[in-house]
Amino acid sequence: MAKNVAIGLQNFADFIEKNYFYVDKTAFIREWWEAGDSVTLITRPRRFGKTLNMSMVEHFFSTDYAHRGDLFENLAIWKHDAYRMLQGTYPVISLSFANVKERTYEMARRKICQLLVNLYAEHQYLRDSDSLGTREKEYFDRVSVSMDDADATLALYQLSNFMYRYYGEKVIILLDEYDTPMQEAYMNGYWDEMVSFTRSMFNAGFKTNPWLERAIMTGITRVSKESVFSDLNNLKVVTTTSSEYATSFGFTQEEVFRSLDEQEMGQEKEMVKLWYDGFVFGTCKDIYNPWSILNFLDTGKYMPYWANTSSNSLVGKLVREGGRGIKEKFEALLSGKTITSEIDEQIVYSQLDGNERAVWSLLLTSGYLKVLSVEDYREIQEGEAPEYELALTNLEVKLMFKNMIRDWFSKADSDYNDFVKALLAGDKKAMNVYMNRVAVSVFSYFDTGKSPSGQEPERFYHGFVLGLIVELQGRYVITSNRESGFGRYDVLLEPKNPAEDDAIILEFKVHDPEDEQTLRDTVQEALNQIERRRYDTVFLEKGISQERIRRYGFAFEGKKVLIG
């Protein structure tokens, strides 16, 4: 019989007590406890059940839920007598940084302090008990949104002490979405201050804490040990390429197909697989994101649910502002191809602006890419890192990126569409009019290419190419920066039906006043380069005649564009 599907619910008890649709993940409790690790950091993409699993762990271990074995009696963990005896026997500290999304360090720090204030308020009974001395009660009273760094960074440490004194048992600490403040700090320019603050907090709470029994931290990324976890040598890190807990977060294909049958939707299995399958954790393939599956079970409609759940601003920034290599590989991914790259699962945010490996690593960790294969370690030269073959995760992710690219051009949507029509028609005058309108509306989102033409091509060009891929891939095979003739062209549009459409060569140049007096000179140099380096060779070899090959030079200067 089909059950009600609750969307957005994150409290474990609500699922059980109200008999909502729930996929049993309690085996995670046993696997984690028997691993025996002091502090476990688990990274998974957003909306993969991290918060619900943390709530499940809290309900299982916390003294606040002693004698609530009824919540687990029909689940996998309750089959083991030893774990029935563990339920409700430990004091648990549970908090989440998921909502720490502030534009300034001062506001982010204040938000974290408020969360600590709320935590202490939940345990006000400690302040009122006889287990604390005068000095401990004075510290309890100092916990406020305006407390100094010393008190704030010691808050988890001190609360662990207070709870140990009261209960006579060491504490379990659960910190959900630990890296949300880190990502916001990177995006908004207060990285160093946030790292310093959280490093002190984590060191006190998780490393030098004698009252800590176990801890779990969850997040999307594994922030570089050198920046945040430099003092934590007791940290067990479980990433998306690790084998531990591979099926504890996200739904396996067996779980998804069984759920479809239970909800009387078994006929949708193949289409659901096309849309939402593709995540890989360790060696476990065919993992589905729970958010999309739950929404599909609820509505029966195919939509990019997971991809649209929250801001993709960091991902968009990395792709939009990335260099030539990033945009070329991204173009290949959108066209259904794979790319290869080394991967470093320790995300160094300071490297994201210029390190291609760091960008692909973040996209993999965040769930936008999946691993198809890994280079055999036995075939790698000493000192080298293995190459990973990567692809977009599934249809849902592909659609998300296509929509993202459309959004970049939304402010100039009509002009952009008119420009594409003018390009197809070969109307240079109209191309210039519409392209300059696009430039005024859109170029502020991109690096408009202030370097001279002999250096890195303007980054807008790459964004523009991605836009063309979205709009024209039905009629053209679009390639960029490939070998043809005696050099590497910028963009080629090869018609899928040469009898109806002309082949097109686009060459882009940033105006360099040292070499060219006017934009028109820059355009002419772009056209000369097309001829000099014989970029039309690839078309001629495929039997496309010279008269069916159109050549355009684009000259950029800030927000000015001239096409010839």
Protein backbone atom coordinates (compact mmCIF):
# COMPACT_ATOMS: atom_id res chain seq x y z
CA MET A 1 0.00 0.00 0.00
CA ALA A 2 1.36 3.41 -0.94
CA LYS A 3 2.48 5.68 1.92
CA ASN A 4 2.36 9.45 2.15
CA VAL A 5 5.61 11.04 0.97
CA ALA A 6 6.72 13.90 3.22
CA ILE A 7 8.86 16.52 1.43
CA GLY A 8 11.45 18.50 3.36
CA LEU A 9 11.02 16.63 6.65
CA GLN A 10 14.32 16.15 8.52
CA ASN A 11 13.24 14.89 11.94
CA PHE A 12 13.61 11.12 12.23
CA ALA A 13 10.83 10.66 14.81
CA ASP A 14 8.27 12.35 12.56
CA PHE A 15 8.87 9.80 9.79
CA ILE A 16 8.34 6.87 12.14
CA GLU A 17 5.52 8.20 14.31
CA LYS A 18 3.48 9.46 11.37
CA ASN A 19 4.21 6.43 9.19
CA TYR A 20 5.56 8.48 6.29
CA PHE A 21 7.48 6.87 3.44
CA TYR A 22 10.96 6.09 4.81
CA VAL A 23 13.94 4.14 3.50
CA ASP A 24 15.68 2.35 6.39
CA LYS A 25 19.23 3.64 6.88
CA THR A 26 19.72 2.49 10.48
CA ALA A 27 22.45 0.05 9.40
CA PHE A 28 24.63 3.16 9.34
CA ILE A 29 24.46 3.29 13.16
CA ARG A 30 26.02 -0.12 13.53
CA GLU A 31 28.63 0.43 10.81
CA TRP A 32 29.71 3.75 12.32
CA TRP A 33 29.78 2.52 15.93
CA GLU A 34 31.75 -0.61 15.13
CA ALA A 35 34.29 1.40 13.11
CA GLY A 36 35.37 2.94 16.41
CA ASP A 37 36.64 6.21 14.93
CA SER A 38 36.91 9.15 17.30
CA VAL A 39 35.80 11.87 14.85
CA THR A 40 34.22 10.97 11.49
CA LEU A 41 33.87 13.54 8.70
CA ILE A 42 31.45 12.39 6.01
CA THR A 43 31.09 14.38 2.78
CA ARG A 44 28.13 13.94 0.48
CA PRO A 45 26.32 16.20 -2.02
CA ARG A 46 23.50 18.36 -0.73
CA ARG A 47 20.09 16.79 -0.16
CA PHE A 48 21.51 13.30 0.31
CA GLY A 49 20.01 12.55 3.70
CA LYS A 50 22.86 13.84 5.85
CA THR A 51 20.60 15.84 8.17
CA LEU A 52 18.03 13.04 8.49
CA ASN A 53 20.77 10.53 9.31
CA MET A 54 22.19 12.86 11.96
CA SER A 55 18.70 13.12 13.45
CA MET A 56 18.46 9.32 13.36
CA VAL A 57 21.78 8.97 15.22
CA GLU A 58 20.67 11.54 17.80
CA HIS A 59 17.37 9.74 18.41
CA PHE A 60 19.21 6.45 18.80
CA PHE A 61 21.96 7.46 21.22
CA SER A 62 20.68 10.51 23.09
CA THR A 63 19.55 10.26 26.70
CA ASP A 64 16.78 12.65 25.66
CA TYR A 65 15.22 9.69 23.82
CA ALA A 66 15.82 6.99 26.42
CA HIS A 67 13.05 4.38 26.36
CA ARG A 68 12.13 5.35 22.76
CA GLY A 69 13.15 2.04 21.30
CA ASP A 70 9.73 1.97 19.65
CA LEU A 71 11.14 4.33 17.01
CA PHE A 72 13.56 1.61 15.87
CA GLU A 73 11.79 -1.66 16.58
CA ASN A 74 10.77 -2.27 12.97
CA LEU A 75 14.13 -1.20 11.52
CA ALA A 76 17.39 -3.03 10.78
CA ILE A 77 19.32 -1.85 13.84
CA TRP A 78 16.78 -3.39 16.24
CA LYS A 79 17.64 -6.91 15.08
CA HIS A 80 20.83 -6.72 17.15
CA ASP A 81 20.37 -7.17 20.89
CA ALA A 82 23.58 -5.32 21.75
CA TYR A 83 22.30 -2.20 20.03
CA ARG A 84 18.97 -2.34 21.80
CA MET A 85 20.99 -1.93 24.99
CA LEU A 86 22.79 1.14 23.55
CA GLN A 87 19.68 3.09 22.65
CA GLY A 88 19.26 6.25 24.72
CA THR A 89 22.45 5.86 26.78
CA TYR A 90 24.69 8.81 25.76
CA PRO A 91 24.44 12.59 26.17
CA VAL A 92 24.41 14.10 22.68
CA ILE A 93 25.30 17.61 21.50
CA SER A 94 23.68 18.28 18.12
CA LEU A 95 23.91 21.43 16.01
CA SER A 96 23.91 22.48 12.36
CA PHE A 97 25.70 25.24 10.44
CA ALA A 98 23.32 24.85 7.48
CA ASN A 99 21.86 28.34 7.91
CA VAL A 100 25.14 30.22 8.38
CA LYS A 101 25.02 31.94 4.98
CA GLU A 102 26.07 35.50 5.69
CA ARG A 103 27.77 38.12 3.54
CA THR A 104 30.20 39.33 6.21
CA TYR A 105 32.38 37.64 8.79
CA GLU A 106 30.79 39.65 11.59
CA MET A 107 27.32 38.40 10.69
CA ALA A 108 28.52 34.80 10.21
CA ARG A 109 30.29 34.80 13.56
CA ARG A 110 27.21 36.27 15.22
CA LYS A 111 25.01 33.56 13.65
CA ILE A 112 27.31 30.80 14.95
CA CYS A 113 27.31 32.39 18.40
CA GLN A 114 23.50 32.48 18.30
CA LEU A 115 23.44 28.75 17.54
CA LEU A 116 25.68 28.16 20.54
CA VAL A 117 23.41 30.32 22.70
CA ASN A 118 20.43 28.22 21.59
CA LEU A 119 22.38 25.06 22.40
CA TYR A 120 23.14 26.25 25.92
CA ALA A 121 19.51 27.27 26.38
CA GLU A 122 18.46 23.70 25.57
CA HIS A 123 20.69 22.53 28.41
CA GLN A 124 19.77 25.17 30.94
CA TYR A 125 19.20 22.36 33.45
CA LEU A 126 22.98 22.04 33.68
CA ARG A 127 23.26 25.62 34.93
CA ASP A 128 20.58 24.96 37.50
CA SER A 129 22.09 21.70 38.75
CA ASP A 130 24.63 21.08 41.50
CA SER A 131 27.08 19.48 39.07
CA LEU A 132 28.63 22.85 38.11
CA GLY A 133 30.79 25.01 40.33
CA THR A 134 30.77 28.79 40.56
CA ARG A 135 33.29 29.32 37.75
CA GLU A 136 31.50 26.93 35.41
CA LYS A 137 28.22 28.75 36.03
CA GLU A 138 29.96 32.07 35.33
CA TYR A 139 31.11 30.72 31.97
CA PHE A 140 27.58 29.44 31.25
CA ASP A 141 26.29 32.94 31.86
CA ARG A 142 28.89 34.50 29.52
CA VAL A 143 27.65 32.54 26.51
CA SER A 144 25.96 35.16 24.33
CA VAL A 145 25.89 36.41 20.74
CA SER A 146 28.48 39.02 21.67
CA MET A 147 30.88 36.74 23.59
CA ASP A 148 34.56 37.00 22.75
CA ASP A 149 36.45 34.48 20.61
CA ALA A 150 37.90 32.67 23.61
CA ASP A 151 34.48 31.86 25.04
CA ALA A 152 32.88 31.16 21.64
CA THR A 153 35.53 28.72 20.41
CA LEU A 154 35.46 26.86 23.75
CA ALA A 155 31.66 26.50 23.83
CA LEU A 156 31.49 22.89 22.56
CA TYR A 157 34.42 21.90 24.76
CA GLN A 158 32.88 23.40 27.89
CA LEU A 159 29.40 22.01 27.21
CA SER A 160 30.94 18.55 26.83
CA ASN A 161 32.50 18.97 30.27
CA PHE A 162 29.25 20.13 31.83
CA MET A 163 27.25 17.24 30.33
CA TYR A 164 29.87 14.69 31.39
CA ARG A 165 29.65 15.96 34.97
CA TYR A 166 25.87 15.71 34.93
CA TYR A 167 25.45 12.34 33.19
CA GLY A 168 28.68 10.59 34.10
CA GLU A 169 29.13 9.60 30.44
CA LYS A 170 31.25 11.08 27.68
CA VAL A 171 29.34 12.93 24.97
CA ILE A 172 28.62 12.35 21.30
CA ILE A 173 28.85 15.51 19.18
CA LEU A 174 26.95 15.78 15.88
CA LEU A 175 27.80 18.77 13.66
CA ASP A 176 25.80 18.94 10.45
CA GLU A 177 26.83 20.99 7.36
CA TYR A 178 30.09 22.10 8.95
CA ASP A 179 31.39 23.61 5.69
CA THR A 180 28.49 25.94 4.82
CA PRO A 181 30.21 28.92 6.55
CA MET A 182 33.42 28.05 4.68
CA GLN A 183 31.78 28.22 1.28
CA GLU A 184 30.08 31.51 2.12
CA ALA A 185 33.38 32.89 3.43
CA TYR A 186 35.06 32.04 0.13
CA MET A 187 32.25 33.55 -1.93
CA ASN A 188 32.10 36.76 0.13
CA GLY A 189 35.77 37.39 0.86
CA TYR A 190 36.23 36.64 4.57
CA TRP A 191 37.93 33.25 4.28
CA ASP A 192 40.91 33.91 6.58
CA GLU A 193 38.80 35.16 9.49
CA MET A 194 36.34 32.27 9.28
CA VAL A 195 39.10 29.66 9.04
CA SER A 196 40.85 31.06 12.11
CA PHE A 197 37.62 31.02 14.14
CA THR A 198 36.45 27.54 13.15
CA ARG A 199 39.92 26.02 13.46
CA SER A 200 40.04 27.06 17.12
CA MET A 201 36.51 25.76 17.71
CA PHE A 202 37.15 22.41 16.04
CA ASN A 203 40.47 21.91 17.79
CA ALA A 204 38.87 22.47 21.22
CA GLY A 205 35.69 20.53 20.50
CA PHE A 206 37.08 17.54 18.62
CA LYS A 207 40.80 17.20 19.36
CA THR A 208 41.62 18.29 22.91
CA ASN A 209 38.26 17.30 24.37
CA PRO A 210 38.69 14.63 27.09
CA TRP A 211 34.90 14.34 27.49
CA LEU A 212 34.28 13.34 23.86
CA GLU A 213 33.15 9.76 23.19
CA ARG A 214 32.57 10.03 19.42
CA ALA A 215 31.71 12.71 16.87
CA ILE A 216 30.27 12.95 13.37
CA MET A 217 30.70 15.95 11.10
CA THR A 218 28.91 16.15 7.77
CA GLY A 219 29.34 18.49 4.83
CA ILE A 220 29.55 18.70 1.08
CA THR A 221 33.31 19.22 0.85
CA ARG A 222 36.42 18.13 2.65
CA VAL A 223 38.00 21.48 3.37
CA SER A 224 41.79 21.36 3.24
CA LYS A 225 43.35 19.95 6.41
CA GLU A 226 45.96 22.69 6.35
CA SER A 227 43.29 25.38 6.70
CA VAL A 228 40.65 24.01 9.09
CA PHE A 229 41.74 20.63 10.42
CA SER A 230 45.46 21.25 10.89
CA ASP A 231 45.35 20.11 14.52
CA LEU A 232 42.96 17.17 14.12
CA ASN A 233 45.04 14.02 13.71
CA ASN A 234 42.12 11.92 15.03
CA LEU A 235 39.89 12.66 12.04
CA LYS A 236 38.51 9.85 9.87
CA VAL A 237 37.54 11.33 6.50
CA VAL A 238 34.94 9.57 4.35
CA THR A 239 34.48 11.15 0.92
CA THR A 240 32.47 10.17 -2.14
CA THR A 241 35.34 7.95 -3.33
CA SER A 242 35.57 6.08 0.00
CA SER A 243 34.03 2.65 0.48
CA GLU A 244 32.73 3.30 4.01
CA TYR A 245 29.03 4.13 4.37
CA ALA A 246 28.60 3.91 0.59
CA THR A 247 24.89 3.02 0.79
CA SER A 248 24.06 4.97 3.98
CA PHE A 249 23.46 8.28 2.18
CA GLY A 250 21.33 8.32 -0.95
CA PHE A 251 19.12 5.53 -2.28
CA THR A 252 20.45 2.41 -3.97
CA GLN A 253 18.82 1.23 -7.18
CA GLU A 254 17.27 -1.69 -5.31
CA GLU A 255 15.73 0.72 -2.80
CA VAL A 256 14.45 3.01 -5.56
CA PHE A 257 12.91 0.23 -7.62
CA ARG A 258 11.30 -1.32 -4.53
CA SER A 259 9.92 2.09 -3.58
CA LEU A 260 8.45 2.57 -7.06
CA ASP A 261 6.73 -0.80 -6.77
CA GLU A 262 5.40 0.02 -3.29
CA GLN A 263 4.07 3.36 -4.52
CA GLU A 264 2.46 1.62 -7.54
CA MET A 265 4.80 3.34 -10.01
CA GLY A 266 6.87 0.36 -11.13
CA GLN A 267 6.38 1.16 -14.81
CA GLU A 268 8.57 4.26 -14.42
CA LYS A 269 11.82 2.48 -13.46
CA GLU A 270 13.77 3.01 -16.67
CA MET A 271 12.87 6.67 -17.02
CA VAL A 272 13.64 7.32 -13.34
CA LYS A 273 17.03 5.70 -13.88
CA LEU A 274 17.75 7.96 -16.85
CA TRP A 275 16.87 11.10 -14.92
CA TYR A 276 18.17 10.47 -11.42
CA ASP A 277 20.70 7.60 -11.38
CA GLY A 278 24.43 8.11 -11.76
CA PHE A 279 25.96 8.96 -8.40
CA VAL A 280 28.92 6.79 -7.39
CA PHE A 281 30.19 6.41 -3.83
CA GLY A 282 33.32 4.32 -3.49
CA THR A 283 32.78 1.25 -5.63
CA CYS A 284 29.00 1.42 -5.22
CA LYS A 285 27.33 2.59 -8.42
CA ASP A 286 23.70 3.35 -9.23
CA ILE A 287 23.10 5.66 -6.29
CA TYR A 288 20.14 8.06 -6.59
CA ASN A 289 19.68 11.39 -4.85
CA PRO A 290 16.82 11.03 -2.33
CA TRP A 291 15.40 14.51 -2.89
CA SER A 292 14.55 13.88 -6.53
CA ILE A 293 13.19 10.41 -5.84
CA LEU A 294 10.94 11.63 -3.03
CA ASN A 295 9.63 14.49 -5.14
CA PHE A 296 9.00 12.18 -8.08
CA LEU A 297 7.17 9.70 -5.84
CA ASP A 298 5.09 12.61 -4.57
CA THR A 299 4.25 14.24 -7.92
CA GLY A 300 4.90 11.63 -10.60
CA LYS A 301 6.51 14.36 -12.72
CA TYR A 302 10.03 14.39 -14.14
CA MET A 303 11.79 17.60 -13.17
CA PRO A 304 15.31 18.64 -12.04
CA TYR A 305 14.31 18.63 -8.36
CA TRP A 306 17.76 18.16 -6.79
CA ALA A 307 19.53 20.55 -9.14
CA ASN A 308 17.06 23.33 -8.30
CA THR A 309 16.95 22.94 -4.51
CA SER A 310 19.46 25.65 -3.60
CA SER A 311 21.87 28.17 -4.98
CA ASN A 312 24.36 26.89 -7.51
CA SER A 313 26.19 30.21 -7.35
CA LEU A 314 29.64 28.78 -6.60
CA VAL A 315 29.36 26.22 -9.40
CA GLY A 316 28.17 28.91 -11.79
CA LYS A 317 31.01 31.22 -10.77
CA LEU A 318 33.64 28.51 -11.35
CA VAL A 319 32.34 27.62 -14.82
CA ARG A 320 31.56 31.18 -15.91
CA GLU A 321 34.85 32.69 -14.76
CA GLY A 322 37.05 29.67 -15.43
CA GLY A 323 39.82 29.73 -17.98
CA ARG A 324 39.91 28.30 -21.46
CA GLY A 325 40.68 24.74 -20.37
CA ILE A 326 37.74 24.60 -17.97
CA LYS A 327 35.27 25.91 -20.53
CA GLU A 328 36.49 23.57 -23.25
CA LYS A 329 36.10 20.55 -21.01
CA PHE A 330 32.73 21.78 -19.81
CA GLU A 331 31.63 22.14 -23.41
CA ALA A 332 32.61 18.49 -23.94
CA LEU A 333 30.63 17.40 -20.87
CA LEU A 334 27.50 19.16 -22.09
CA SER A 335 27.79 17.42 -25.44
CA GLY A 336 27.78 14.02 -23.69
CA LYS A 337 31.52 13.37 -23.73
CA THR A 338 33.82 12.53 -20.83
CA ILE A 339 36.88 14.37 -19.54
CA THR A 340 39.95 13.26 -17.59
CA SER A 341 41.52 15.05 -14.66
CA GLU A 342 43.48 14.44 -11.51
CA ILE A 343 41.32 14.78 -8.40
CA ASP A 344 42.20 16.18 -4.98
CA GLU A 345 39.42 15.61 -2.47
CA GLN A 346 40.95 18.09 -0.05
CA ILE A 347 39.34 21.26 -1.36
CA VAL A 348 41.66 24.25 -1.17
CA TYR A 349 39.29 27.14 -1.76
CA SER A 350 42.11 29.57 -2.48
CA GLN A 351 43.02 27.45 -5.53
CA LEU A 352 39.58 27.45 -7.11
CA ASP A 353 40.26 30.65 -9.04
CA GLY A 354 43.06 29.19 -11.12
CA ASN A 355 43.52 25.47 -10.46
CA GLU A 356 41.59 23.36 -12.94
CA ARG A 357 42.03 20.20 -10.84
CA ALA A 358 40.50 21.95 -7.83
CA VAL A 359 37.44 22.94 -9.88
CA TRP A 360 36.75 19.42 -11.16
CA SER A 361 37.36 18.07 -7.64
CA LEU A 362 34.73 20.40 -6.21
CA LEU A 363 32.23 19.54 -8.95
CA LEU A 364 32.78 15.83 -8.25
CA THR A 365 32.43 16.23 -4.49
CA SER A 366 29.29 18.33 -4.94
CA GLY A 367 27.61 15.66 -7.07
CA TYR A 368 27.65 17.36 -10.47
CA LEU A 369 30.17 14.87 -11.89
CA LYS A 370 30.57 11.12 -11.52
CA VAL A 371 33.62 8.86 -11.83
CA LEU A 372 33.48 6.40 -14.73
CA SER A 373 36.96 4.97 -14.24
CA VAL A 374 40.24 5.59 -12.45
CA GLU A 375 43.70 5.07 -13.86
CA ASP A 376 45.36 1.91 -12.51
CA TYR A 377 47.80 2.88 -9.76
CA ARG A 378 50.23 0.22 -11.01
CA GLU A 379 50.58 2.08 -14.31
CA ILE A 380 51.36 5.47 -12.79
CA GLN A 381 54.88 6.84 -12.65
CA GLU A 382 56.29 7.64 -9.22
CA GLY A 383 55.16 11.06 -8.02
CA GLU A 384 52.18 11.23 -10.37
CA ALA A 385 48.50 11.21 -9.43
CA PRO A 386 45.91 8.97 -11.13
CA GLU A 387 43.65 10.36 -13.84
CA TYR A 388 39.89 10.11 -13.31
CA GLU A 389 37.45 9.77 -16.19
CA LEU A 390 34.51 12.05 -15.38
CA ALA A 391 31.06 12.70 -16.83
CA LEU A 392 28.00 14.72 -15.89
CA THR A 393 26.07 12.71 -13.31
CA ASN A 394 22.73 12.35 -15.06
CA LEU A 395 20.09 14.02 -17.20
CA GLU A 396 18.90 16.17 -14.30
CA VAL A 397 22.36 17.72 -13.84
CA LYS A 398 22.77 18.29 -17.57
CA LEU A 399 19.47 20.17 -17.72
CA MET A 400 20.48 22.24 -14.71
CA PHE A 401 23.64 23.46 -16.43
CA LYS A 402 21.81 24.21 -19.65
CA ASN A 403 19.29 26.30 -17.71
CA MET A 404 22.12 28.02 -15.87
CA ILE A 405 23.70 29.07 -19.16
CA ARG A 406 20.38 30.39 -20.42
CA ASP A 407 20.03 32.43 -17.24
CA TRP A 408 23.38 34.12 -17.86
CA PHE A 409 21.91 35.53 -21.05
CA SER A 410 18.39 36.16 -19.75
CA LYS A 411 18.87 39.94 -19.41
CA ALA A 412 19.55 40.12 -23.12
CA ASP A 413 17.36 37.21 -24.12
CA SER A 414 15.62 38.77 -27.12
CA ASP A 415 18.80 40.41 -28.40
CA TYR A 416 20.73 37.19 -27.92
CA ASN A 417 18.18 35.21 -29.90
CA ASP A 418 18.19 37.88 -32.59
CA PHE A 419 21.98 37.74 -32.71
CA VAL A 420 21.89 33.99 -33.26
CA LYS A 421 19.35 34.47 -36.06
CA ALA A 422 21.56 37.15 -37.63
CA LEU A 423 24.58 34.84 -37.40
CA LEU A 424 22.72 32.07 -39.17
CA ALA A 425 21.52 34.49 -41.83
CA GLY A 426 24.98 35.99 -42.35
CA ASP A 427 23.73 39.53 -41.57
CA LYS A 428 26.86 41.23 -40.18
CA LYS A 429 25.15 44.58 -39.60
CA ALA A 430 22.45 42.98 -37.45
CA MET A 431 25.06 40.83 -35.71
CA ASN A 432 26.91 43.96 -34.63
CA VAL A 433 23.76 45.69 -33.38
CA TYR A 434 22.53 42.77 -31.32
CA MET A 435 25.95 41.67 -30.08
CA ASN A 436 26.67 45.12 -28.66
CA ARG A 437 23.31 45.11 -26.89
CA VAL A 438 24.18 41.71 -25.42
CA ALA A 439 27.55 43.06 -24.34
CA VAL A 440 26.03 45.93 -22.37
CA SER A 441 23.60 43.59 -20.57
CA VAL A 442 25.76 40.52 -20.03
CA PHE A 443 29.46 41.29 -20.07
CA SER A 444 29.45 42.45 -16.45
CA TYR A 445 28.99 38.77 -15.48
CA PHE A 446 32.22 37.77 -17.20
CA ASP A 447 35.86 38.67 -17.51
CA THR A 448 35.58 40.72 -20.71
CA GLY A 449 39.11 40.02 -21.81
CA LYS A 450 41.38 42.93 -20.95
CA SER A 451 44.53 41.04 -21.87
CA PRO A 452 46.03 41.46 -25.36
CA SER A 453 44.99 39.08 -28.06
CA GLY A 454 48.15 36.97 -27.86
CA GLN A 455 47.34 35.93 -24.29
CA GLU A 456 44.39 34.15 -22.63
CA PRO A 457 41.24 34.64 -24.77
CA GLU A 458 38.50 36.68 -23.15
CA ARG A 459 36.40 34.60 -20.80
CA PHE A 460 33.15 35.95 -22.14
CA TYR A 461 33.89 34.17 -25.40
CA HIS A 462 33.77 30.83 -23.61
CA GLY A 463 30.47 31.69 -21.95
CA PHE A 464 29.18 32.73 -25.34
CA VAL A 465 30.24 29.37 -26.80
CA LEU A 466 28.35 27.56 -24.08
CA GLY A 467 25.30 29.66 -24.96
CA LEU A 468 25.65 28.66 -28.59
CA ILE A 469 25.84 25.01 -27.59
CA VAL A 470 22.51 25.28 -25.87
CA GLU A 471 20.78 27.04 -28.76
CA LEU A 472 22.43 25.58 -31.87
CA GLN A 473 23.53 22.06 -31.07
CA GLY A 474 20.54 20.69 -32.96
CA ARG A 475 21.88 22.16 -36.22
CA TYR A 476 25.65 22.33 -35.69
CA VAL A 477 28.54 20.38 -34.26
CA ILE A 478 30.35 23.08 -32.30
CA THR A 479 34.02 22.77 -31.40
CA SER A 480 36.52 25.21 -29.99
CA ASN A 481 40.27 25.52 -29.69
CA ARG A 482 41.13 22.50 -31.82
CA GLU A 483 43.85 21.90 -34.37
CA SER A 484 43.10 22.72 -37.99
CA GLY A 485 45.53 23.74 -40.71
CA PHE A 486 48.52 25.42 -39.06
CA GLY A 487 47.01 26.45 -35.74
CA ARG A 488 44.20 26.26 -33.23
CA TYR A 489 40.96 27.97 -34.17
CA ASP A 490 38.60 29.62 -31.69
CA VAL A 491 35.19 28.28 -32.76
CA LEU A 492 33.98 26.14 -35.65
CA LEU A 493 30.31 25.49 -36.38
CA GLU A 494 30.05 22.44 -38.60
CA PRO A 495 26.57 22.07 -40.11
CA LYS A 496 24.86 18.76 -39.56
CA ASN A 497 23.10 19.35 -42.88
CA PRO A 498 25.68 21.05 -45.19
CA ALA A 499 23.13 21.26 -47.98
CA GLU A 500 21.08 23.74 -45.94
CA ASP A 501 23.51 25.50 -43.56
CA ASP A 502 26.87 27.13 -44.16
CA ALA A 503 29.95 26.20 -42.14
CA ILE A 504 31.09 29.04 -39.84
CA ILE A 505 34.50 30.02 -38.42
CA LEU A 506 34.66 32.50 -35.53
CA GLU A 507 37.93 34.07 -34.38
CA PHE A 508 38.03 36.30 -31.28
CA LYS A 509 40.57 39.00 -30.47
CA VAL A 510 40.89 41.49 -27.65
CA HIS A 511 41.95 44.92 -28.93
CA ASP A 512 45.60 45.64 -28.12
CA PRO A 513 46.34 49.37 -28.62
CA GLU A 514 50.04 48.63 -28.95
CA ASP A 515 49.46 46.59 -32.10
CA GLU A 516 46.19 47.92 -33.54
CA GLN A 517 44.95 51.49 -33.81
CA THR A 518 41.24 50.68 -34.06
CA LEU A 519 38.81 47.84 -33.45
CA ARG A 520 38.55 47.48 -37.21
CA ASP A 521 42.28 46.70 -37.30
CA THR A 522 41.70 44.02 -34.65
CA VAL A 523 38.89 42.50 -36.72
CA GLN A 524 41.14 42.41 -39.78
CA GLU A 525 43.90 40.69 -37.79
CA ALA A 526 41.39 38.03 -36.67
CA LEU A 527 40.34 37.45 -40.31
CA ASN A 528 43.97 37.37 -41.45
CA GLN A 529 44.70 34.73 -38.82
CA ILE A 530 41.85 32.55 -40.12
CA GLU A 531 43.35 32.70 -43.62
CA ARG A 532 47.00 32.55 -42.60
CA ARG A 533 46.55 29.47 -40.43
CA ARG A 534 44.07 27.84 -42.78
CA TYR A 535 41.40 27.10 -40.19
CA ASP A 536 39.07 26.11 -43.01
CA THR A 537 41.11 22.94 -43.62
CA VAL A 538 38.86 20.78 -41.44
CA PHE A 539 35.82 21.82 -43.52
CA LEU A 540 37.53 21.47 -46.87
CA GLU A 541 38.66 17.95 -45.98
CA LYS A 542 35.02 17.06 -45.36
CA GLY A 543 34.00 18.25 -48.80
CA ILE A 544 32.51 21.62 -47.84
CA SER A 545 33.29 24.13 -50.57
CA GLN A 546 34.94 27.51 -49.98
CA GLU A 547 31.77 29.42 -50.91
CA ARG A 548 29.87 27.54 -48.15
CA ILE A 549 32.36 28.57 -45.44
CA ARG A 550 31.74 31.88 -43.66
CA ARG A 551 34.50 33.57 -41.63
CA TYR A 552 33.95 36.18 -38.88
CA GLY A 553 36.41 38.14 -36.82
CA PHE A 554 35.23 39.45 -33.42
CA ALA A 555 37.10 42.34 -31.79
CA PHE A 556 36.50 43.15 -28.11
CA GLU A 557 37.39 46.22 -26.11
CA GLY A 558 35.68 46.30 -22.72
CA LYS A 559 31.97 46.23 -23.57
CA LYS A 560 32.52 47.26 -27.19
CA VAL A 561 32.32 44.65 -29.92
CA LEU A 562 32.99 44.86 -33.66
CA ILE A 563 32.29 41.96 -35.99
CA GLY A 564 33.65 41.79 -39.50
